[in-house]
PDB file of N, CA and C in Angstrom:
ATOM      1  N   MET A   1     -63.212  35.292  36.823  1.00  0.00           N
ATOM      2  CA  MET A   1     -63.536  36.328  35.873  1.00  0.00           C
ATOM      3  C   MET A   1     -63.172  35.911  34.436  1.00  0.00           C
ATOM      4  N   GLN A   2     -62.046  35.203  34.279  1.00  0.00           N
ATOM      5  CA  GLN A   2     -61.620  34.745  33.020  1.00  0.00           C
ATOM      6  C   GLN A   2     -62.699  33.847  32.392  1.00  0.00           C
ATOM      7  N   ALA A   3     -63.285  32.953  33.191  1.00  0.00           N
ATOM      8  CA  ALA A   3     -64.293  32.013  32.674  1.00  0.00           C
ATOM      9  C   ALA A   3     -65.496  32.785  32.165  1.00  0.00           C
ATOM     10  N   THR A   4     -65.889  33.864  32.880  1.00  0.00           N
ATOM     11  CA  THR A   4     -67.043  34.678  32.450  1.00  0.00           C
ATOM     12  C   THR A   4     -66.732  35.340  31.111  1.00  0.00           C
ATOM     13  N   ARG A   5     -65.539  35.919  31.021  1.00  0.00           N
ATOM     14  CA  ARG A   5     -65.141  36.576  29.767  1.00  0.00           C
ATOM     15  C   ARG A   5     -65.187  35.607  28.621  1.00  0.00           C
ATOM     16  N   GLN A   6     -64.696  34.381  28.882  1.00  0.00           N
ATOM     17  CA  GLN A   6     -64.649  33.328  27.816  1.00  0.00           C
ATOM     18  C   GLN A   6     -66.060  32.910  27.419  1.00  0.00           C
ATOM     19  N   ARG A   7     -66.960  32.852  28.420  1.00  0.00           N
ATOM     20  CA  ARG A   7     -68.355  32.521  28.148  1.00  0.00           C
ATOM     21  C   ARG A   7     -69.003  33.620  27.266  1.00  0.00           C
ATOM     22  N   PHE A   8     -68.780  34.873  27.649  1.00  0.00           N
ATOM     23  CA  PHE A   8     -69.308  35.972  26.860  1.00  0.00           C
ATOM     24  C   PHE A   8     -68.833  35.863  25.420  1.00  0.00           C
ATOM     25  N   ALA A   9     -67.522  35.661  25.208  1.00  0.00           N
ATOM     26  CA  ALA A   9     -66.908  35.625  23.944  1.00  0.00           C
ATOM     27  C   ALA A   9     -67.460  34.437  23.099  1.00  0.00           C
ATOM     28  N   ALA A  10     -67.646  33.293  23.731  1.00  0.00           N
ATOM     29  CA  ALA A  10     -68.157  32.132  23.057  1.00  0.00           C
ATOM     30  C   ALA A  10     -69.598  32.397  22.553  1.00  0.00           C
ATOM     31  N   LEU A  11     -70.422  32.931  23.432  1.00  0.00           N
ATOM     32  CA  LEU A  11     -71.775  33.185  23.053  1.00  0.00           C
ATOM     33  C   LEU A  11     -71.887  34.272  21.959  1.00  0.00           C
ATOM     34  N   GLN A  12     -71.062  35.325  22.061  1.00  0.00           N
ATOM     35  CA  GLN A  12     -71.013  36.316  21.079  1.00  0.00           C
ATOM     36  C   GLN A  12     -70.555  35.771  19.721  1.00  0.00           C
ATOM     37  N   ALA A  13     -69.572  34.869  19.718  1.00  0.00           N
ATOM     38  CA  ALA A  13     -69.115  34.290  18.477  1.00  0.00           C
ATOM     39  C   ALA A  13     -70.237  33.396  17.854  1.00  0.00           C
ATOM     40  N   GLN A  14     -70.907  32.608  18.679  1.00  0.00           N
ATOM     41  CA  GLN A  14     -72.028  31.820  18.166  1.00  0.00           C
ATOM     42  C   GLN A  14     -73.148  32.690  17.606  1.00  0.00           C
ATOM     43  N   ALA A  15     -73.406  33.777  18.268  1.00  0.00           N
ATOM     44  CA  ALA A  15     -74.443  34.712  17.775  1.00  0.00           C
ATOM     45  C   ALA A  15     -74.001  35.318  16.436  1.00  0.00           C
ATOM     46  N   ALA A  16     -72.774  35.759  16.341  1.00  0.00           N
ATOM     47  CA  ALA A  16     -72.294  36.371  15.106  1.00  0.00           C
ATOM     48  C   ALA A  16     -72.388  35.372  13.960  1.00  0.00           C
ATOM     49  N   HIS A  17     -71.953  34.118  14.259  1.00  0.00           N
ATOM     50  CA  HIS A  17     -72.010  33.083  13.256  1.00  0.00           C
ATOM     51  C   HIS A  17     -73.437  32.818  12.769  1.00  0.00           C
ATOM     52  N   ALA A  18     -74.380  32.871  13.690  1.00  0.00           N
ATOM     53  CA  ALA A  18     -75.795  32.609  13.432  1.00  0.00           C
ATOM     54  C   ALA A  18     -76.509  33.828  12.909  1.00  0.00           C
ATOM     55  N   GLY A  19     -75.904  34.959  12.952  1.00  0.00           N
ATOM     56  CA  GLY A  19     -76.575  36.208  12.562  1.00  0.00           C
ATOM     57  C   GLY A  19     -77.593  36.730  13.564  1.00  0.00           C
ATOM     58  N   VAL A  20     -77.378  36.438  14.818  1.00  0.00           N
ATOM     59  CA  VAL A  20     -78.303  36.809  15.892  1.00  0.00           C
ATOM     60  C   VAL A  20     -77.721  37.981  16.617  1.00  0.00           C
ATOM     61  N   ALA A  21     -78.562  39.010  16.808  1.00  0.00           N
ATOM     62  CA  ALA A  21     -78.109  40.223  17.545  1.00  0.00           C
ATOM     63  C   ALA A  21     -78.319  40.003  19.001  1.00  0.00           C
ATOM     64  N   LEU A  22     -77.296  40.263  19.764  1.00  0.00           N
ATOM     65  CA  LEU A  22     -77.387  40.205  21.214  1.00  0.00           C
ATOM     66  C   LEU A  22     -77.114  41.580  21.797  1.00  0.00           C
ATOM     67  N   ARG A  23     -77.743  41.815  22.952  1.00  0.00           N
ATOM     68  CA  ARG A  23     -77.416  43.101  23.662  1.00  0.00           C
ATOM     69  C   ARG A  23     -75.949  42.892  24.212  1.00  0.00           C
ATOM     70  N   PRO A  24     -75.270  43.981  24.486  1.00  0.00           N
ATOM     71  CA  PRO A  24     -73.921  43.845  25.045  1.00  0.00           C
ATOM     72  C   PRO A  24     -73.976  43.181  26.423  1.00  0.00           C
ATOM     73  N   PRO A  25     -72.918  42.396  26.759  1.00  0.00           N
ATOM     74  CA  PRO A  25     -72.865  41.844  28.102  1.00  0.00           C
ATOM     75  C   PRO A  25     -72.694  42.921  29.147  1.00  0.00           C
ATOM     76  N   PRO A  26     -73.002  42.626  30.385  1.00  0.00           N
ATOM     77  CA  PRO A  26     -72.849  43.620  31.440  1.00  0.00           C
ATOM     78  C   PRO A  26     -71.341  44.062  31.586  1.00  0.00           C
ATOM     79  N   PRO A  27     -71.138  45.336  31.825  1.00  0.00           N
ATOM     80  CA  PRO A  27     -69.749  45.783  32.038  1.00  0.00           C
ATOM     81  C   PRO A  27     -69.182  45.305  33.396  1.00  0.00           C
ATOM     82  N   GLU A  28     -67.865  45.128  33.406  1.00  0.00           N
ATOM     83  CA  GLU A  28     -67.198  44.680  34.657  1.00  0.00           C
ATOM     84  C   GLU A  28     -67.258  45.881  35.641  1.00  0.00           C
ATOM     85  N   PRO A  29     -67.465  45.618  36.903  1.00  0.00           N
ATOM     86  CA  PRO A  29     -67.461  46.731  37.894  1.00  0.00           C
ATOM     87  C   PRO A  29     -66.102  47.400  37.994  1.00  0.00           C
ATOM     88  N   THR A  30     -66.156  48.659  38.258  1.00  0.00           N
ATOM     89  CA  THR A  30     -64.952  49.454  38.465  1.00  0.00           C
ATOM     90  C   THR A  30     -64.881  50.076  39.752  1.00  0.00           C
ATOM     91  N   THR A  31     -65.889  49.867  40.654  1.00  0.00           N
ATOM     92  CA  THR A  31     -65.982  50.565  41.913  1.00  0.00           C
ATOM     93  C   THR A  31     -65.824  49.663  43.114  1.00  0.00           C
ATOM     94  N   CYS A  32     -65.326  48.449  42.937  1.00  0.00           N
ATOM     95  CA  CYS A  32     -65.126  47.570  44.104  1.00  0.00           C
ATOM     96  C   CYS A  32     -64.010  48.086  45.053  1.00  0.00           C
ATOM     97  N   CYS A  33     -64.313  48.116  46.314  1.00  0.00           N
ATOM     98  CA  CYS A  33     -63.341  48.602  47.285  1.00  0.00           C
ATOM     99  C   CYS A  33     -62.382  47.497  47.790  1.00  0.00           C
ATOM    100  N   GLY A  34     -62.730  46.258  47.450  1.00  0.00           N
ATOM    101  CA  GLY A  34     -61.874  45.109  47.910  1.00  0.00           C
ATOM    102  C   GLY A  34     -62.030  44.701  49.332  1.00  0.00           C
ATOM    103  N   ARG A  35     -63.069  45.166  50.036  1.00  0.00           N
ATOM    104  CA  ARG A  35     -63.248  44.874  51.431  1.00  0.00           C
ATOM    105  C   ARG A  35     -64.177  43.695  51.686  1.00  0.00           C
ATOM    106  N   GLY A  36     -64.678  43.068  50.604  1.00  0.00           N
ATOM    107  CA  GLY A  36     -65.590  41.912  50.835  1.00  0.00           C
ATOM    108  C   GLY A  36     -66.981  42.342  51.371  1.00  0.00           C
ATOM    109  N   CYS A  37     -67.473  43.414  50.897  1.00  0.00           N
ATOM    110  CA  CYS A  37     -68.764  43.968  51.409  1.00  0.00           C
ATOM    111  C   CYS A  37     -69.883  43.012  51.086  1.00  0.00           C
ATOM    112  N   ASN A  38     -70.886  42.991  51.989  1.00  0.00           N
ATOM    113  CA  ASN A  38     -72.135  42.302  51.743  1.00  0.00           C
ATOM    114  C   ASN A  38     -72.823  43.039  50.642  1.00  0.00           C
ATOM    115  N   GLY A  39     -73.143  42.400  49.554  1.00  0.00           N
ATOM    116  CA  GLY A  39     -73.792  43.061  48.430  1.00  0.00           C
ATOM    117  C   GLY A  39     -72.759  43.694  47.547  1.00  0.00           C
ATOM    118  N   CYS A  40     -71.556  43.125  47.456  1.00  0.00           N
ATOM    119  CA  CYS A  40     -70.491  43.654  46.633  1.00  0.00           C
ATOM    120  C   CYS A  40     -70.930  43.820  45.180  1.00  0.00           C
ATOM    121  N   VAL A  41     -70.366  44.801  44.523  1.00  0.00           N
ATOM    122  CA  VAL A  41     -70.626  45.041  43.123  1.00  0.00           C
ATOM    123  C   VAL A  41     -70.404  43.810  42.271  1.00  0.00           C
ATOM    124  N   TRP A  42     -69.454  42.970  42.666  1.00  0.00           N
ATOM    125  CA  TRP A  42     -69.216  41.775  41.923  1.00  0.00           C
ATOM    126  C   TRP A  42     -70.323  40.765  41.994  1.00  0.00           C
ATOM    127  N   GLU A  43     -71.083  40.714  43.136  1.00  0.00           N
ATOM    128  CA  GLU A  43     -72.184  39.844  43.244  1.00  0.00           C
ATOM    129  C   GLU A  43     -73.226  40.263  42.187  1.00  0.00           C
ATOM    130  N   GLY A  44     -73.483  41.588  42.084  1.00  0.00           N
ATOM    131  CA  GLY A  44     -74.442  42.051  41.085  1.00  0.00           C
ATOM    132  C   GLY A  44     -73.971  41.770  39.659  1.00  0.00           C
ATOM    133  N   PHE A  45     -72.687  41.912  39.471  1.00  0.00           N
ATOM    134  CA  PHE A  45     -72.143  41.639  38.104  1.00  0.00           C
ATOM    135  C   PHE A  45     -72.338  40.199  37.744  1.00  0.00           C
ATOM    136  N   TYR A  46     -72.024  39.255  38.668  1.00  0.00           N
ATOM    137  CA  TYR A  46     -72.146  37.798  38.314  1.00  0.00           C
ATOM    138  C   TYR A  46     -73.586  37.474  38.136  1.00  0.00           C
ATOM    139  N   ALA A  47     -74.492  38.075  38.903  1.00  0.00           N
ATOM    140  CA  ALA A  47     -75.940  37.807  38.688  1.00  0.00           C
ATOM    141  C   ALA A  47     -76.352  38.314  37.278  1.00  0.00           C
ATOM    142  N   ALA A  48     -75.907  39.510  36.949  1.00  0.00           N
ATOM    143  CA  ALA A  48     -76.235  40.062  35.583  1.00  0.00           C
ATOM    144  C   ALA A  48     -75.630  39.219  34.502  1.00  0.00           C
ATOM    145  N   ALA A  49     -74.405  38.752  34.734  1.00  0.00           N
ATOM    146  CA  ALA A  49     -73.697  37.945  33.751  1.00  0.00           C
ATOM    147  C   ALA A  49     -74.469  36.622  33.502  1.00  0.00           C
ATOM    148  N   GLN A  50     -74.944  36.035  34.576  1.00  0.00           N
ATOM    149  CA  GLN A  50     -75.672  34.739  34.471  1.00  0.00           C
ATOM    150  C   GLN A  50     -76.956  35.019  33.641  1.00  0.00           C
ATOM    151  N   TRP A  51     -77.666  36.093  33.976  1.00  0.00           N
ATOM    152  CA  TRP A  51     -78.937  36.444  33.213  1.00  0.00           C
ATOM    153  C   TRP A  51     -78.565  36.696  31.747  1.00  0.00           C
ATOM    154  N   TRP A  52     -77.490  37.387  31.476  1.00  0.00           N
ATOM    155  CA  TRP A  52     -77.141  37.688  30.062  1.00  0.00           C
ATOM    156  C   TRP A  52     -76.872  36.418  29.326  1.00  0.00           C
ATOM    157  N   CYS A  53     -76.130  35.499  29.945  1.00  0.00           N
ATOM    158  CA  CYS A  53     -75.818  34.209  29.307  1.00  0.00           C
ATOM    159  C   CYS A  53     -77.094  33.443  29.046  1.00  0.00           C
ATOM    160  N   GLU A  54     -78.004  33.373  29.983  1.00  0.00           N
ATOM    161  CA  GLU A  54     -79.279  32.674  29.781  1.00  0.00           C
ATOM    162  C   GLU A  54     -80.073  33.313  28.686  1.00  0.00           C
ATOM    163  N   ASP A  55     -80.096  34.623  28.649  1.00  0.00           N
ATOM    164  CA  ASP A  55     -80.796  35.382  27.587  1.00  0.00           C
ATOM    165  C   ASP A  55     -80.160  35.105  26.220  1.00  0.00           C
ATOM    166  N   ALA A  56     -78.869  35.089  26.144  1.00  0.00           N
ATOM    167  CA  ALA A  56     -78.177  34.836  24.921  1.00  0.00           C
ATOM    168  C   ALA A  56     -78.442  33.415  24.405  1.00  0.00           C
ATOM    169  N   GLN A  57     -78.426  32.436  25.327  1.00  0.00           N
ATOM    170  CA  GLN A  57     -78.699  31.057  24.966  1.00  0.00           C
ATOM    171  C   GLN A  57     -80.123  30.908  24.500  1.00  0.00           C
ATOM    172  N   GLY A  58     -81.025  31.657  25.081  1.00  0.00           N
ATOM    173  CA  GLY A  58     -82.429  31.633  24.640  1.00  0.00           C
ATOM    174  C   GLY A  58     -82.608  32.156  23.240  1.00  0.00           C
ATOM    175  N   ALA A  59     -81.900  33.254  22.946  1.00  0.00           N
ATOM    176  CA  ALA A  59     -81.935  33.864  21.632  1.00  0.00           C
ATOM    177  C   ALA A  59     -81.353  32.918  20.613  1.00  0.00           C
ATOM    178  N   LEU A  60     -80.302  32.220  20.929  1.00  0.00           N
ATOM    179  CA  LEU A  60     -79.686  31.279  20.004  1.00  0.00           C
ATOM    180  C   LEU A  60     -80.535  30.024  19.812  1.00  0.00           C
ATOM    181  N   ALA A  61     -81.407  29.716  20.783  1.00  0.00           N
ATOM    182  CA  ALA A  61     -82.230  28.485  20.686  1.00  0.00           C
ATOM    183  C   ALA A  61     -83.511  28.769  19.874  1.00  0.00           C
ATOM    184  N   GLN A  62     -83.838  30.032  19.617  1.00  0.00           N
ATOM    185  CA  GLN A  62     -84.968  30.354  18.792  1.00  0.00           C
ATOM    186  C   GLN A  62     -84.822  29.850  17.382  1.00  0.00           C
ATOM    187  N   PRO A  63     -85.927  29.537  16.703  1.00  0.00           N
ATOM    188  CA  PRO A  63     -85.809  29.096  15.307  1.00  0.00           C
ATOM    189  C   PRO A  63     -85.038  30.179  14.510  1.00  0.00           C
ATOM    190  N   GLY A  64     -84.036  29.657  13.800  1.00  0.00           N
ATOM    191  CA  GLY A  64     -83.190  30.578  13.016  1.00  0.00           C
ATOM    192  C   GLY A  64     -82.087  31.147  13.840  1.00  0.00           C
ATOM    193  N   GLY A  65     -81.979  30.743  15.092  1.00  0.00           N
ATOM    194  CA  GLY A  65     -80.988  31.283  15.996  1.00  0.00           C
ATOM    195  C   GLY A  65     -79.677  30.514  16.017  1.00  0.00           C
ATOM    196  N   GLY A  66     -79.575  29.513  15.194  1.00  0.00           N
ATOM    197  CA  GLY A  66     -78.352  28.769  15.111  1.00  0.00           C
ATOM    198  C   GLY A  66     -78.334  27.579  16.070  1.00  0.00           C
ATOM    199  N   PRO A  67     -77.249  26.924  16.119  1.00  0.00           N
ATOM    200  CA  PRO A  67     -77.157  25.725  16.975  1.00  0.00           C
ATOM    201  C   PRO A  67     -77.326  26.041  18.467  1.00  0.00           C
ATOM    202  N   SER A  68     -77.962  25.173  19.226  1.00  0.00           N
ATOM    203  CA  SER A  68     -78.126  25.426  20.666  1.00  0.00           C
ATOM    204  C   SER A  68     -77.066  24.732  21.465  1.00  0.00           C
TER     205      SER A  68
END
């Protein structure tokens, strides 16, 4: 989880430096029961986090989006 938070922070800092607006990253789940369920809320979170990071990198790669 720490690595994901750090990645969010790094991309948000790059976007702020480049003047690029990003949507907020996905919120961390608060409803995990800790039983290792198939389809755990954490699986959905990490999938959404990956998509958010790819979307943020795409926005930063656009002309005027700052360094890629």
